[in-house]
């Protein structure tokens, strides 16, 4: 599974950069989520439904941004409601990778639509290309590295059910909404979509941390994703070529993707680090202009800021209820 993830993200990011995609990390990000969700390829019906839901959600948020772009209170209220629904389902141990994908779309589409007015017509096409390429990349990865015959594959990590999902969902909503509000109201962070996406990823990971020591390890692994993205970007500035981009991304994909494939809480953490790496490197190489010039070191600072913000906010807002894994008593 880890080799499939590495192949999918390296081929996807290289193709996205080479073809001039506006958001080159989107396809590889979707592909990684699909591959880490199970050892078997997505059935055609499920893949079609997933693409349809992504497009529907994207259209809803585009309309929402168009109607309430000049009224941030109403826009943030609607986003907060959607965030709450996602986090409430996740706090009940349900949803799987679909929760993170939904949050990414809910964060990315309004922020990019408000930052770049000319993306109104092309945003749906960007989502369509990203979701379809994610599905195709996952299928190609399975074709290149098929599951051994007779092996069922490791089951994905089950969700964690909380004793008070409403309180946790409200806290997570307030935390994520705070990061989105910062990007909408502060011109210095107007193009920093990596901040709320990193915060959303961390909130989904921290539920599995299970203690202060594990939380420290979680922070270190997510920082590793940013460090690897910085090194990869520096190497690509010295030797800018698609071949070198492919080899660099493949190496990082093997390091992080192999560990992300483990059916354990640490696997989910490494999956978050891979997400950080893809977003940072993808935005650093993207042809999409920003409102103000940004260096790659600025984007790394955004990741550090998002991690510090998420940790401080969860320490203040999370209640101390114990998380219990859902153990099914039925076969």
C-alpha atoms as a PDB file:
ATOM      1  CA  UNK A   1       0.000   0.000   0.000  1.00  0.00           C
ATOM      2  CA  UNK A   2       2.836   2.374   0.817  1.00  0.00           C
ATOM      3  CA  UNK A   3       4.446   1.778  -2.587  1.00  0.00           C
ATOM      4  CA  UNK A   4       1.122   2.501  -4.286  1.00  0.00           C
ATOM      5  CA  UNK A   5       0.831   5.784  -2.394  1.00  0.00           C
ATOM      6  CA  UNK A   6       4.394   6.776  -3.316  1.00  0.00           C
ATOM      7  CA  UNK A   7       3.837   6.009  -7.008  1.00  0.00           C
ATOM      8  CA  UNK A   8       0.494   7.817  -7.112  1.00  0.00           C
ATOM      9  CA  UNK A   9       1.685  11.031  -5.461  1.00  0.00           C
ATOM     10  CA  UNK A  10       4.943  11.193  -7.439  1.00  0.00           C
ATOM     11  CA  UNK A  11       3.297  10.572 -10.814  1.00  0.00           C
ATOM     12  CA  UNK A  12       0.348  12.825  -9.960  1.00  0.00           C
ATOM     13  CA  UNK A  13       2.373  15.790  -8.708  1.00  0.00           C
ATOM     14  CA  UNK A  14       4.859  15.537 -11.583  1.00  0.00           C
ATOM     15  CA  UNK A  15       2.066  15.407 -14.153  1.00  0.00           C
ATOM     16  CA  UNK A  16       0.220  18.277 -12.454  1.00  0.00           C
ATOM     17  CA  UNK A  17       3.294  20.525 -12.440  1.00  0.00           C
ATOM     18  CA  UNK A  18       4.238  19.547 -15.981  1.00  0.00           C
ATOM     19  CA  UNK A  19       0.756  20.234 -17.342  1.00  0.00           C
ATOM     20  CA  UNK A  20       0.482  23.582 -15.542  1.00  0.00           C
ATOM     21  CA  UNK A  21      -2.403  22.605 -13.247  1.00  0.00           C
ATOM     22  CA  UNK A  22      -3.621  25.468 -11.041  1.00  0.00           C
ATOM     23  CA  UNK A  23      -3.758  23.246  -7.947  1.00  0.00           C
ATOM     24  CA  UNK A  24      -1.292  20.440  -8.740  1.00  0.00           C
ATOM     25  CA  UNK A  25      -1.479  18.809  -5.316  1.00  0.00           C
ATOM     26  CA  UNK A  26      -5.218  18.121  -5.499  1.00  0.00           C
ATOM     27  CA  UNK A  27      -5.112  14.916  -7.564  1.00  0.00           C
ATOM     28  CA  UNK A  28      -2.246  13.342  -5.570  1.00  0.00           C
ATOM     29  CA  UNK A  29      -3.951  14.343  -2.319  1.00  0.00           C
ATOM     30  CA  UNK A  30      -7.209  12.650  -3.331  1.00  0.00           C
ATOM     31  CA  UNK A  31      -5.318   9.589  -4.604  1.00  0.00           C
ATOM     32  CA  UNK A  32      -3.448   9.195  -1.313  1.00  0.00           C
ATOM     33  CA  UNK A  33      -6.711   9.333   0.640  1.00  0.00           C
ATOM     34  CA  UNK A  34      -8.337   6.744  -1.640  1.00  0.00           C
ATOM     35  CA  UNK A  35      -5.340   4.391  -1.392  1.00  0.00           C
ATOM     36  CA  UNK A  36      -4.968   4.707   2.375  1.00  0.00           C
ATOM     37  CA  UNK A  37      -8.675   4.033   2.833  1.00  0.00           C
ATOM     38  CA  UNK A  38      -8.313   0.345   1.983  1.00  0.00           C
ATOM     39  CA  UNK A  39      -6.217  -2.313   0.283  1.00  0.00           C
ATOM     40  CA  UNK A  40      -8.630  -2.785  -2.617  1.00  0.00           C
ATOM     41  CA  UNK A  41      -9.195  -0.386  -5.540  1.00  0.00           C
ATOM     42  CA  UNK A  42     -12.289   1.813  -5.557  1.00  0.00           C
ATOM     43  CA  UNK A  43     -15.213   0.139  -7.337  1.00  0.00           C
ATOM     44  CA  UNK A  44     -16.445   2.066 -10.367  1.00  0.00           C
ATOM     45  CA  UNK A  45     -19.781   2.890  -8.735  1.00  0.00           C
ATOM     46  CA  UNK A  46     -18.140   4.222  -5.571  1.00  0.00           C
ATOM     47  CA  UNK A  47     -15.583   6.202  -7.575  1.00  0.00           C
ATOM     48  CA  UNK A  48     -18.337   7.775  -9.669  1.00  0.00           C
ATOM     49  CA  UNK A  49     -20.337   8.661  -6.557  1.00  0.00           C
ATOM     50  CA  UNK A  50     -17.238  10.154  -4.908  1.00  0.00           C
ATOM     51  CA  UNK A  51     -16.471  12.378  -7.902  1.00  0.00           C
ATOM     52  CA  UNK A  52     -20.122  13.439  -8.044  1.00  0.00           C
ATOM     53  CA  UNK A  53     -20.193  14.356  -4.358  1.00  0.00           C
ATOM     54  CA  UNK A  54     -16.952  16.334  -4.665  1.00  0.00           C
ATOM     55  CA  UNK A  55     -18.364  18.320  -7.589  1.00  0.00           C
ATOM     56  CA  UNK A  56     -21.673  18.880  -5.812  1.00  0.00           C
ATOM     57  CA  UNK A  57     -19.951  20.090  -2.656  1.00  0.00           C
ATOM     58  CA  UNK A  58     -17.668  22.331  -4.700  1.00  0.00           C
ATOM     59  CA  UNK A  59     -20.616  23.907  -6.523  1.00  0.00           C
ATOM     60  CA  UNK A  60     -22.429  24.530  -3.258  1.00  0.00           C
ATOM     61  CA  UNK A  61     -19.428  26.347  -1.776  1.00  0.00           C
ATOM     62  CA  UNK A  62     -18.867  28.353  -4.967  1.00  0.00           C
ATOM     63  CA  UNK A  63     -22.478  29.570  -4.844  1.00  0.00           C
ATOM     64  CA  UNK A  64     -22.114  30.234  -1.124  1.00  0.00           C
ATOM     65  CA  UNK A  65     -18.975  32.319  -1.673  1.00  0.00           C
ATOM     66  CA  UNK A  66     -20.684  34.230  -4.484  1.00  0.00           C
ATOM     67  CA  UNK A  67     -23.772  35.030  -2.426  1.00  0.00           C
ATOM     68  CA  UNK A  68     -22.094  35.815   0.877  1.00  0.00           C
ATOM     69  CA  UNK A  69     -18.595  36.868  -0.176  1.00  0.00           C
ATOM     70  CA  UNK A  70     -19.296  40.424   0.960  1.00  0.00           C
ATOM     71  CA  UNK A  71     -20.985  39.276   4.175  1.00  0.00           C
ATOM     72  CA  UNK A  72     -18.362  37.351   6.149  1.00  0.00           C
ATOM     73  CA  UNK A  73     -20.593  36.733   9.170  1.00  0.00           C
ATOM     74  CA  UNK A  74     -23.154  34.812   7.130  1.00  0.00           C
ATOM     75  CA  UNK A  75     -20.452  32.987   5.165  1.00  0.00           C
ATOM     76  CA  UNK A  76     -18.591  31.921   8.301  1.00  0.00           C
ATOM     77  CA  UNK A  77     -21.850  30.826   9.945  1.00  0.00           C
ATOM     78  CA  UNK A  78     -22.658  28.510   7.042  1.00  0.00           C
ATOM     79  CA  UNK A  79     -19.112  27.168   6.945  1.00  0.00           C
ATOM     80  CA  UNK A  80     -19.241  26.609  10.692  1.00  0.00           C
ATOM     81  CA  UNK A  81     -22.436  24.571  10.331  1.00  0.00           C
ATOM     82  CA  UNK A  82     -20.798  22.355   7.723  1.00  0.00           C
ATOM     83  CA  UNK A  83     -17.654  21.964   9.836  1.00  0.00           C
ATOM     84  CA  UNK A  84     -19.781  20.954  12.814  1.00  0.00           C
ATOM     85  CA  UNK A  85     -21.576  18.256  10.814  1.00  0.00           C
ATOM     86  CA  UNK A  86     -18.265  16.838   9.595  1.00  0.00           C
ATOM     87  CA  UNK A  87     -16.646  16.844  13.032  1.00  0.00           C
ATOM     88  CA  UNK A  88     -19.767  15.421  14.675  1.00  0.00           C
ATOM     89  CA  UNK A  89     -19.743  12.436  12.301  1.00  0.00           C
ATOM     90  CA  UNK A  90     -16.012  11.999  12.873  1.00  0.00           C
ATOM     91  CA  UNK A  91     -16.420  12.185  16.669  1.00  0.00           C
ATOM     92  CA  UNK A  92     -18.820   9.242  16.401  1.00  0.00           C
ATOM     93  CA  UNK A  93     -16.118   7.162  14.733  1.00  0.00           C
ATOM     94  CA  UNK A  94     -17.656   7.380  11.267  1.00  0.00           C
ATOM     95  CA  UNK A  95     -16.895   9.010   7.947  1.00  0.00           C
ATOM     96  CA  UNK A  96     -13.361   7.779   7.302  1.00  0.00           C
ATOM     97  CA  UNK A  97     -11.298   9.657   4.660  1.00  0.00           C
ATOM     98  CA  UNK A  98     -14.447  11.383   3.366  1.00  0.00           C
ATOM     99  CA  UNK A  99     -14.402  13.725   6.379  1.00  0.00           C
ATOM    100  CA  UNK A 100     -10.981  15.141   5.561  1.00  0.00           C
ATOM    101  CA  UNK A 101     -11.766  15.456   1.848  1.00  0.00           C
ATOM    102  CA  UNK A 102     -14.985  17.314   2.681  1.00  0.00           C
ATOM    103  CA  UNK A 103     -13.142  19.709   4.985  1.00  0.00           C
ATOM    104  CA  UNK A 104     -10.446  20.347   2.364  1.00  0.00           C
ATOM    105  CA  UNK A 105     -13.085  21.295  -0.219  1.00  0.00           C
ATOM    106  CA  UNK A 106     -15.013  23.436   2.281  1.00  0.00           C
ATOM    107  CA  UNK A 107     -11.832  25.355   3.153  1.00  0.00           C
ATOM    108  CA  UNK A 108     -10.166  25.563  -0.234  1.00  0.00           C
ATOM    109  CA  UNK A 109     -13.062  26.514  -2.510  1.00  0.00           C
ATOM    110  CA  UNK A 110     -14.347  29.628  -0.655  1.00  0.00           C
ATOM    111  CA  UNK A 111     -10.863  30.960   0.105  1.00  0.00           C
ATOM    112  CA  UNK A 112      -9.586  30.562  -3.454  1.00  0.00           C
ATOM    113  CA  UNK A 113     -12.855  31.834  -4.918  1.00  0.00           C
ATOM    114  CA  UNK A 114     -12.692  35.013  -2.840  1.00  0.00           C
ATOM    115  CA  UNK A 115      -8.962  35.501  -3.458  1.00  0.00           C
ATOM    116  CA  UNK A 116      -9.181  34.930  -7.221  1.00  0.00           C
ATOM    117  CA  UNK A 117     -12.412  36.231  -8.730  1.00  0.00           C
ATOM    118  CA  UNK A 118     -11.522  34.785 -12.127  1.00  0.00           C
ATOM    119  CA  UNK A 119     -11.661  31.225 -10.723  1.00  0.00           C
ATOM    120  CA  UNK A 120     -15.467  31.199 -10.494  1.00  0.00           C
ATOM    121  CA  UNK A 121     -15.927  29.392 -13.805  1.00  0.00           C
ATOM    122  CA  UNK A 122     -12.833  27.192 -13.605  1.00  0.00           C
ATOM    123  CA  UNK A 123     -13.070  26.005  -9.987  1.00  0.00           C
ATOM    124  CA  UNK A 124     -15.502  23.201 -10.833  1.00  0.00           C
ATOM    125  CA  UNK A 125     -13.197  22.055 -13.624  1.00  0.00           C
ATOM    126  CA  UNK A 126     -10.256  22.129 -11.185  1.00  0.00           C
ATOM    127  CA  UNK A 127     -12.225  19.950  -8.748  1.00  0.00           C
ATOM    128  CA  UNK A 128     -13.332  17.644 -11.549  1.00  0.00           C
ATOM    129  CA  UNK A 129      -9.796  17.181 -12.816  1.00  0.00           C
ATOM    130  CA  UNK A 130      -8.454  16.713  -9.296  1.00  0.00           C
ATOM    131  CA  UNK A 131     -11.054  14.134  -8.257  1.00  0.00           C
ATOM    132  CA  UNK A 132     -10.916  12.181 -11.522  1.00  0.00           C
ATOM    133  CA  UNK A 133      -7.118  12.194 -11.557  1.00  0.00           C
ATOM    134  CA  UNK A 134      -7.151  11.013  -7.950  1.00  0.00           C
ATOM    135  CA  UNK A 135      -9.353   8.051  -8.876  1.00  0.00           C
ATOM    136  CA  UNK A 136      -7.307   7.245 -11.989  1.00  0.00           C
ATOM    137  CA  UNK A 137      -4.023   7.510 -10.082  1.00  0.00           C
ATOM    138  CA  UNK A 138      -5.324   5.128  -7.416  1.00  0.00           C
ATOM    139  CA  UNK A 139      -6.412   2.624 -10.097  1.00  0.00           C
ATOM    140  CA  UNK A 140      -3.057   2.872 -11.900  1.00  0.00           C
ATOM    141  CA  UNK A 141      -1.230   2.349  -8.603  1.00  0.00           C
ATOM    142  CA  UNK A 142      -3.246  -0.818  -7.960  1.00  0.00           C
ATOM    143  CA  UNK A 143      -2.526  -1.991 -11.513  1.00  0.00           C
ATOM    144  CA  UNK A 144       1.211  -1.397 -11.049  1.00  0.00           C
ATOM    145  CA  UNK A 145       1.328  -2.941  -7.563  1.00  0.00           C
ATOM    146  CA  UNK A 146      -1.596  -5.369  -7.273  1.00  0.00           C
ATOM    147  CA  UNK A 147      -2.651  -6.886  -3.991  1.00  0.00           C
ATOM    148  CA  UNK A 148      -1.254 -10.431  -3.602  1.00  0.00           C
ATOM    149  CA  UNK A 149      -3.779 -13.109  -4.521  1.00  0.00           C
ATOM    150  CA  UNK A 150      -5.724 -14.463  -1.581  1.00  0.00           C
ATOM    151  CA  UNK A 151      -4.731 -11.640   0.720  1.00  0.00           C
ATOM    152  CA  UNK A 152      -7.538  -9.582   2.184  1.00  0.00           C
ATOM    153  CA  UNK A 153      -5.226  -6.713   3.084  1.00  0.00           C
ATOM    154  CA  UNK A 154      -4.974  -4.807   6.337  1.00  0.00           C
ATOM    155  CA  UNK A 155      -8.181  -3.252   7.515  1.00  0.00           C
ATOM    156  CA  UNK A 156      -8.119   0.530   7.788  1.00  0.00           C
ATOM    157  CA  UNK A 157      -7.953   1.962  11.266  1.00  0.00           C
ATOM    158  CA  UNK A 158     -11.395   2.167  12.820  1.00  0.00           C
ATOM    159  CA  UNK A 159     -12.732   5.504  13.955  1.00  0.00           C
ATOM    160  CA  UNK A 160     -12.666   6.651  17.557  1.00  0.00           C
ATOM    161  CA  UNK A 161     -16.003   7.253  19.240  1.00  0.00           C
ATOM    162  CA  UNK A 162     -16.105   9.894  21.964  1.00  0.00           C
ATOM    163  CA  UNK A 163     -18.340   9.981  24.998  1.00  0.00           C
ATOM    164  CA  UNK A 164     -19.453  13.536  24.151  1.00  0.00           C
ATOM    165  CA  UNK A 165     -19.253  13.975  20.349  1.00  0.00           C
ATOM    166  CA  UNK A 166     -21.259  17.214  20.389  1.00  0.00           C
ATOM    167  CA  UNK A 167     -18.798  19.009  22.675  1.00  0.00           C
ATOM    168  CA  UNK A 168     -15.815  17.805  20.662  1.00  0.00           C
ATOM    169  CA  UNK A 169     -17.471  18.772  17.365  1.00  0.00           C
ATOM    170  CA  UNK A 170     -18.252  22.272  18.680  1.00  0.00           C
ATOM    171  CA  UNK A 171     -14.673  22.724  19.893  1.00  0.00           C
ATOM    172  CA  UNK A 172     -13.173  21.525  16.613  1.00  0.00           C
ATOM    173  CA  UNK A 173     -15.559  23.750  14.663  1.00  0.00           C
ATOM    174  CA  UNK A 174     -14.514  26.803  16.662  1.00  0.00           C
ATOM    175  CA  UNK A 175     -10.824  25.976  16.152  1.00  0.00           C
ATOM    176  CA  UNK A 176     -11.061  25.434  12.385  1.00  0.00           C
ATOM    177  CA  UNK A 177     -13.414  28.377  11.918  1.00  0.00           C
ATOM    178  CA  UNK A 178     -10.908  30.590  13.732  1.00  0.00           C
ATOM    179  CA  UNK A 179      -8.177  29.709  11.219  1.00  0.00           C
ATOM    180  CA  UNK A 180     -10.518  30.315   8.270  1.00  0.00           C
ATOM    181  CA  UNK A 181     -11.575  33.661   9.763  1.00  0.00           C
ATOM    182  CA  UNK A 182      -7.917  34.668  10.012  1.00  0.00           C
ATOM    183  CA  UNK A 183      -7.416  33.968   6.307  1.00  0.00           C
ATOM    184  CA  UNK A 184     -10.583  35.857   5.337  1.00  0.00           C
ATOM    185  CA  UNK A 185     -10.002  38.951   7.456  1.00  0.00           C
ATOM    186  CA  UNK A 186      -6.207  39.373   7.547  1.00  0.00           C
ATOM    187  CA  UNK A 187      -4.558  40.322   4.252  1.00  0.00           C
ATOM    188  CA  UNK A 188      -1.247  38.846   5.416  1.00  0.00           C
ATOM    189  CA  UNK A 189      -2.863  35.384   5.507  1.00  0.00           C
ATOM    190  CA  UNK A 190      -5.322  35.765   2.604  1.00  0.00           C
ATOM    191  CA  UNK A 191      -3.525  33.179   0.440  1.00  0.00           C
ATOM    192  CA  UNK A 192      -2.462  30.862   3.288  1.00  0.00           C
ATOM    193  CA  UNK A 193      -4.886  28.008   2.588  1.00  0.00           C
ATOM    194  CA  UNK A 194      -2.259  25.660   4.015  1.00  0.00           C
ATOM    195  CA  UNK A 195      -3.103  26.984   7.520  1.00  0.00           C
ATOM    196  CA  UNK A 196      -6.755  25.831   7.799  1.00  0.00           C
ATOM    197  CA  UNK A 197      -6.038  22.611   5.873  1.00  0.00           C
ATOM    198  CA  UNK A 198      -3.187  21.779   8.257  1.00  0.00           C
ATOM    199  CA  UNK A 199      -5.407  22.639  11.233  1.00  0.00           C
ATOM    200  CA  UNK A 200      -8.156  20.337   9.927  1.00  0.00           C
ATOM    201  CA  UNK A 201      -5.649  17.524   9.412  1.00  0.00           C
ATOM    202  CA  UNK A 202      -4.246  17.969  12.925  1.00  0.00           C
ATOM    203  CA  UNK A 203      -7.687  17.987  14.541  1.00  0.00           C
ATOM    204  CA  UNK A 204      -8.466  14.633  12.935  1.00  0.00           C
ATOM    205  CA  UNK A 205      -5.083  13.249  14.032  1.00  0.00           C
ATOM    206  CA  UNK A 206      -5.115  14.506  17.617  1.00  0.00           C
ATOM    207  CA  UNK A 207      -8.150  12.379  18.452  1.00  0.00           C
ATOM    208  CA  UNK A 208      -5.871   9.362  18.013  1.00  0.00           C
ATOM    209  CA  UNK A 209      -2.895  10.752  19.921  1.00  0.00           C
ATOM    210  CA  UNK A 210      -3.979   9.316  23.251  1.00  0.00           C
ATOM    211  CA  UNK A 211      -1.600  11.302  25.431  1.00  0.00           C
ATOM    212  CA  UNK A 212       0.914  14.117  25.664  1.00  0.00           C
ATOM    213  CA  UNK A 213       3.838  11.980  24.501  1.00  0.00           C
ATOM    214  CA  UNK A 214       1.943  10.832  21.432  1.00  0.00           C
ATOM    215  CA  UNK A 215       0.907  14.439  20.719  1.00  0.00           C
ATOM    216  CA  UNK A 216       4.570  15.504  20.747  1.00  0.00           C
ATOM    217  CA  UNK A 217       5.331  12.757  18.253  1.00  0.00           C
ATOM    218  CA  UNK A 218       2.414  13.924  16.126  1.00  0.00           C
ATOM    219  CA  UNK A 219       3.818  17.456  16.008  1.00  0.00           C
ATOM    220  CA  UNK A 220       7.285  16.174  15.123  1.00  0.00           C
ATOM    221  CA  UNK A 221       5.984  14.047  12.250  1.00  0.00           C
ATOM    222  CA  UNK A 222       3.918  16.909  10.823  1.00  0.00           C
ATOM    223  CA  UNK A 223       6.953  19.174  11.049  1.00  0.00           C
ATOM    224  CA  UNK A 224       8.843  16.467   9.177  1.00  0.00           C
ATOM    225  CA  UNK A 225       6.420  16.894   6.292  1.00  0.00           C
ATOM    226  CA  UNK A 226       7.223  20.612   6.169  1.00  0.00           C
ATOM    227  CA  UNK A 227      10.980  20.017   6.433  1.00  0.00           C
ATOM    228  CA  UNK A 228      10.924  17.469   3.611  1.00  0.00           C
ATOM    229  CA  UNK A 229       8.902  19.862   1.457  1.00  0.00           C
ATOM    230  CA  UNK A 230      11.480  22.602   2.120  1.00  0.00           C
ATOM    231  CA  UNK A 231      14.369  20.313   1.177  1.00  0.00           C
ATOM    232  CA  UNK A 232      12.577  19.123  -1.951  1.00  0.00           C
ATOM    233  CA  UNK A 233      11.845  22.699  -3.017  1.00  0.00           C
ATOM    234  CA  UNK A 234      15.485  23.699  -2.442  1.00  0.00           C
ATOM    235  CA  UNK A 235      16.724  20.765  -4.524  1.00  0.00           C
ATOM    236  CA  UNK A 236      14.280  21.605  -7.309  1.00  0.00           C
ATOM    237  CA  UNK A 237      15.465  25.226  -7.375  1.00  0.00           C
ATOM    238  CA  UNK A 238      19.024  23.965  -7.931  1.00  0.00           C
ATOM    239  CA  UNK A 239      17.972  21.396 -10.533  1.00  0.00           C
ATOM    240  CA  UNK A 240      14.525  22.247 -11.916  1.00  0.00           C
ATOM    241  CA  UNK A 241      13.367  19.271 -13.973  1.00  0.00           C
ATOM    242  CA  UNK A 242      10.344  16.996 -14.011  1.00  0.00           C
ATOM    243  CA  UNK A 243      12.557  13.920 -13.717  1.00  0.00           C
ATOM    244  CA  UNK A 244      14.131  15.235 -10.535  1.00  0.00           C
ATOM    245  CA  UNK A 245      10.700  16.254  -9.222  1.00  0.00           C
ATOM    246  CA  UNK A 246       9.433  12.710  -9.797  1.00  0.00           C
ATOM    247  CA  UNK A 247      12.398  11.074  -8.064  1.00  0.00           C
ATOM    248  CA  UNK A 248      12.297  13.492  -5.123  1.00  0.00           C
ATOM    249  CA  UNK A 249       8.560  13.061  -4.603  1.00  0.00           C
ATOM    250  CA  UNK A 250       8.864   9.289  -4.986  1.00  0.00           C
ATOM    251  CA  UNK A 251      11.510   9.174  -2.257  1.00  0.00           C
ATOM    252  CA  UNK A 252       9.428  11.258   0.141  1.00  0.00           C
ATOM    253  CA  UNK A 253       6.353   9.239  -0.785  1.00  0.00           C
ATOM    254  CA  UNK A 254       8.168   6.039   0.179  1.00  0.00           C
ATOM    255  CA  UNK A 255       9.304   7.556   3.496  1.00  0.00           C
ATOM    256  CA  UNK A 256       5.920   8.955   4.531  1.00  0.00           C
ATOM    257  CA  UNK A 257       3.536   6.813   2.474  1.00  0.00           C
ATOM    258  CA  UNK A 258       5.026   3.548   3.688  1.00  0.00           C
ATOM    259  CA  UNK A 259       4.424   4.546   7.299  1.00  0.00           C
ATOM    260  CA  UNK A 260       1.035   6.067   6.510  1.00  0.00           C
ATOM    261  CA  UNK A 261      -0.094   2.654   5.243  1.00  0.00           C
ATOM    262  CA  UNK A 262       0.272   1.117   8.722  1.00  0.00           C
ATOM    263  CA  UNK A 263      -3.126   0.280  10.311  1.00  0.00           C
ATOM    264  CA  UNK A 264      -2.317   2.168  13.524  1.00  0.00           C
ATOM    265  CA  UNK A 265      -2.689   5.703  14.907  1.00  0.00           C
ATOM    266  CA  UNK A 266       0.867   6.484  13.785  1.00  0.00           C
ATOM    267  CA  UNK A 267      -0.179   5.628  10.236  1.00  0.00           C
ATOM    268  CA  UNK A 268      -2.779   8.384  10.273  1.00  0.00           C
ATOM    269  CA  UNK A 269      -0.179  10.827  11.581  1.00  0.00           C
ATOM    270  CA  UNK A 270       2.230  10.046   8.750  1.00  0.00           C
ATOM    271  CA  UNK A 271      -0.677  10.433   6.356  1.00  0.00           C
ATOM    272  CA  UNK A 272      -1.110  13.952   7.724  1.00  0.00           C
ATOM    273  CA  UNK A 273       2.600  14.641   7.204  1.00  0.00           C
ATOM    274  CA  UNK A 274       2.264  13.491   3.596  1.00  0.00           C
ATOM    275  CA  UNK A 275      -0.655  15.894   3.198  1.00  0.00           C
ATOM    276  CA  UNK A 276       1.481  18.752   4.542  1.00  0.00           C
ATOM    277  CA  UNK A 277       4.292  17.845   2.142  1.00  0.00           C
ATOM    278  CA  UNK A 278       2.001  17.727  -0.907  1.00  0.00           C
ATOM    279  CA  UNK A 279       0.254  21.010  -0.119  1.00  0.00           C
ATOM    280  CA  UNK A 280       3.470  22.895   0.628  1.00  0.00           C
ATOM    281  CA  UNK A 281       5.410  21.637  -2.381  1.00  0.00           C
ATOM    282  CA  UNK A 282       2.364  21.864  -4.650  1.00  0.00           C
ATOM    283  CA  UNK A 283       1.577  25.468  -3.729  1.00  0.00           C
ATOM    284  CA  UNK A 284       5.260  26.385  -3.975  1.00  0.00           C
ATOM    285  CA  UNK A 285       5.391  25.135  -7.573  1.00  0.00           C
ATOM    286  CA  UNK A 286       1.850  26.113  -8.561  1.00  0.00           C
ATOM    287  CA  UNK A 287       1.320  28.716 -11.325  1.00  0.00           C
ATOM    288  CA  UNK A 288      -1.575  30.160  -9.322  1.00  0.00           C
ATOM    289  CA  UNK A 289      -0.692  33.760  -8.425  1.00  0.00           C
ATOM    290  CA  UNK A 290      -1.099  35.058  -4.894  1.00  0.00           C
ATOM    291  CA  UNK A 291      -2.190  38.504  -3.743  1.00  0.00           C
ATOM    292  CA  UNK A 292       1.263  39.193  -2.292  1.00  0.00           C
ATOM    293  CA  UNK A 293       4.634  37.669  -3.112  1.00  0.00           C
ATOM    294  CA  UNK A 294       5.426  34.736  -0.826  1.00  0.00           C
ATOM    295  CA  UNK A 295       8.659  32.885  -0.329  1.00  0.00           C
ATOM    296  CA  UNK A 296       8.638  29.178   0.351  1.00  0.00           C
ATOM    297  CA  UNK A 297       9.954  29.869   3.861  1.00  0.00           C
ATOM    298  CA  UNK A 298       6.789  31.899   4.472  1.00  0.00           C
ATOM    299  CA  UNK A 299       4.665  28.885   3.633  1.00  0.00           C
ATOM    300  CA  UNK A 300       6.711  26.750   6.028  1.00  0.00           C
ATOM    301  CA  UNK A 301       6.063  29.378   8.696  1.00  0.00           C
ATOM    302  CA  UNK A 302       2.336  28.981   7.965  1.00  0.00           C
ATOM    303  CA  UNK A 303       2.611  25.267   8.808  1.00  0.00           C
ATOM    304  CA  UNK A 304       4.448  26.026  12.048  1.00  0.00           C
ATOM    305  CA  UNK A 305       1.822  28.602  12.918  1.00  0.00           C
ATOM    306  CA  UNK A 306      -1.017  26.160  12.159  1.00  0.00           C
ATOM    307  CA  UNK A 307       0.537  23.468  14.383  1.00  0.00           C
ATOM    308  CA  UNK A 308       1.089  25.865  17.290  1.00  0.00           C
ATOM    309  CA  UNK A 309      -2.421  27.293  16.917  1.00  0.00           C
ATOM    310  CA  UNK A 310      -4.071  23.860  16.789  1.00  0.00           C
ATOM    311  CA  UNK A 311      -2.204  22.604  19.861  1.00  0.00           C
ATOM    312  CA  UNK A 312      -2.940  25.700  21.941  1.00  0.00           C
ATOM    313  CA  UNK A 313      -6.587  25.793  20.889  1.00  0.00           C
ATOM    314  CA  UNK A 314      -7.216  22.112  21.614  1.00  0.00           C
ATOM    315  CA  UNK A 315      -5.540  22.454  25.014  1.00  0.00           C
ATOM    316  CA  UNK A 316      -7.976  25.254  25.840  1.00  0.00           C
ATOM    317  CA  UNK A 317     -11.200  23.987  24.267  1.00  0.00           C
ATOM    318  CA  UNK A 318     -11.120  20.208  24.366  1.00  0.00           C
ATOM    319  CA  UNK A 319     -12.818  18.615  27.324  1.00  0.00           C
ATOM    320  CA  UNK A 320     -11.090  15.789  29.129  1.00  0.00           C
ATOM    321  CA  UNK A 321     -13.497  13.053  28.210  1.00  0.00           C
ATOM    322  CA  UNK A 322     -11.845   9.761  27.445  1.00  0.00           C
ATOM    323  CA  UNK A 323     -11.951   8.452  23.907  1.00  0.00           C
ATOM    324  CA  UNK A 324     -13.132   4.913  23.496  1.00  0.00           C
ATOM    325  CA  UNK A 325     -12.649   2.885  20.369  1.00  0.00           C
ATOM    326  CA  UNK A 326     -15.775   1.498  18.842  1.00  0.00           C
ATOM    327  CA  UNK A 327     -15.625  -2.236  19.098  1.00  0.00           C
ATOM    328  CA  UNK A 328     -18.211  -3.979  17.038  1.00  0.00           C
ATOM    329  CA  UNK A 329     -19.815  -6.971  18.685  1.00  0.00           C
ATOM    330  CA  UNK A 330     -21.321  -8.147  15.417  1.00  0.00           C
ATOM    331  CA  UNK A 331     -19.478 -10.229  12.864  1.00  0.00           C
END
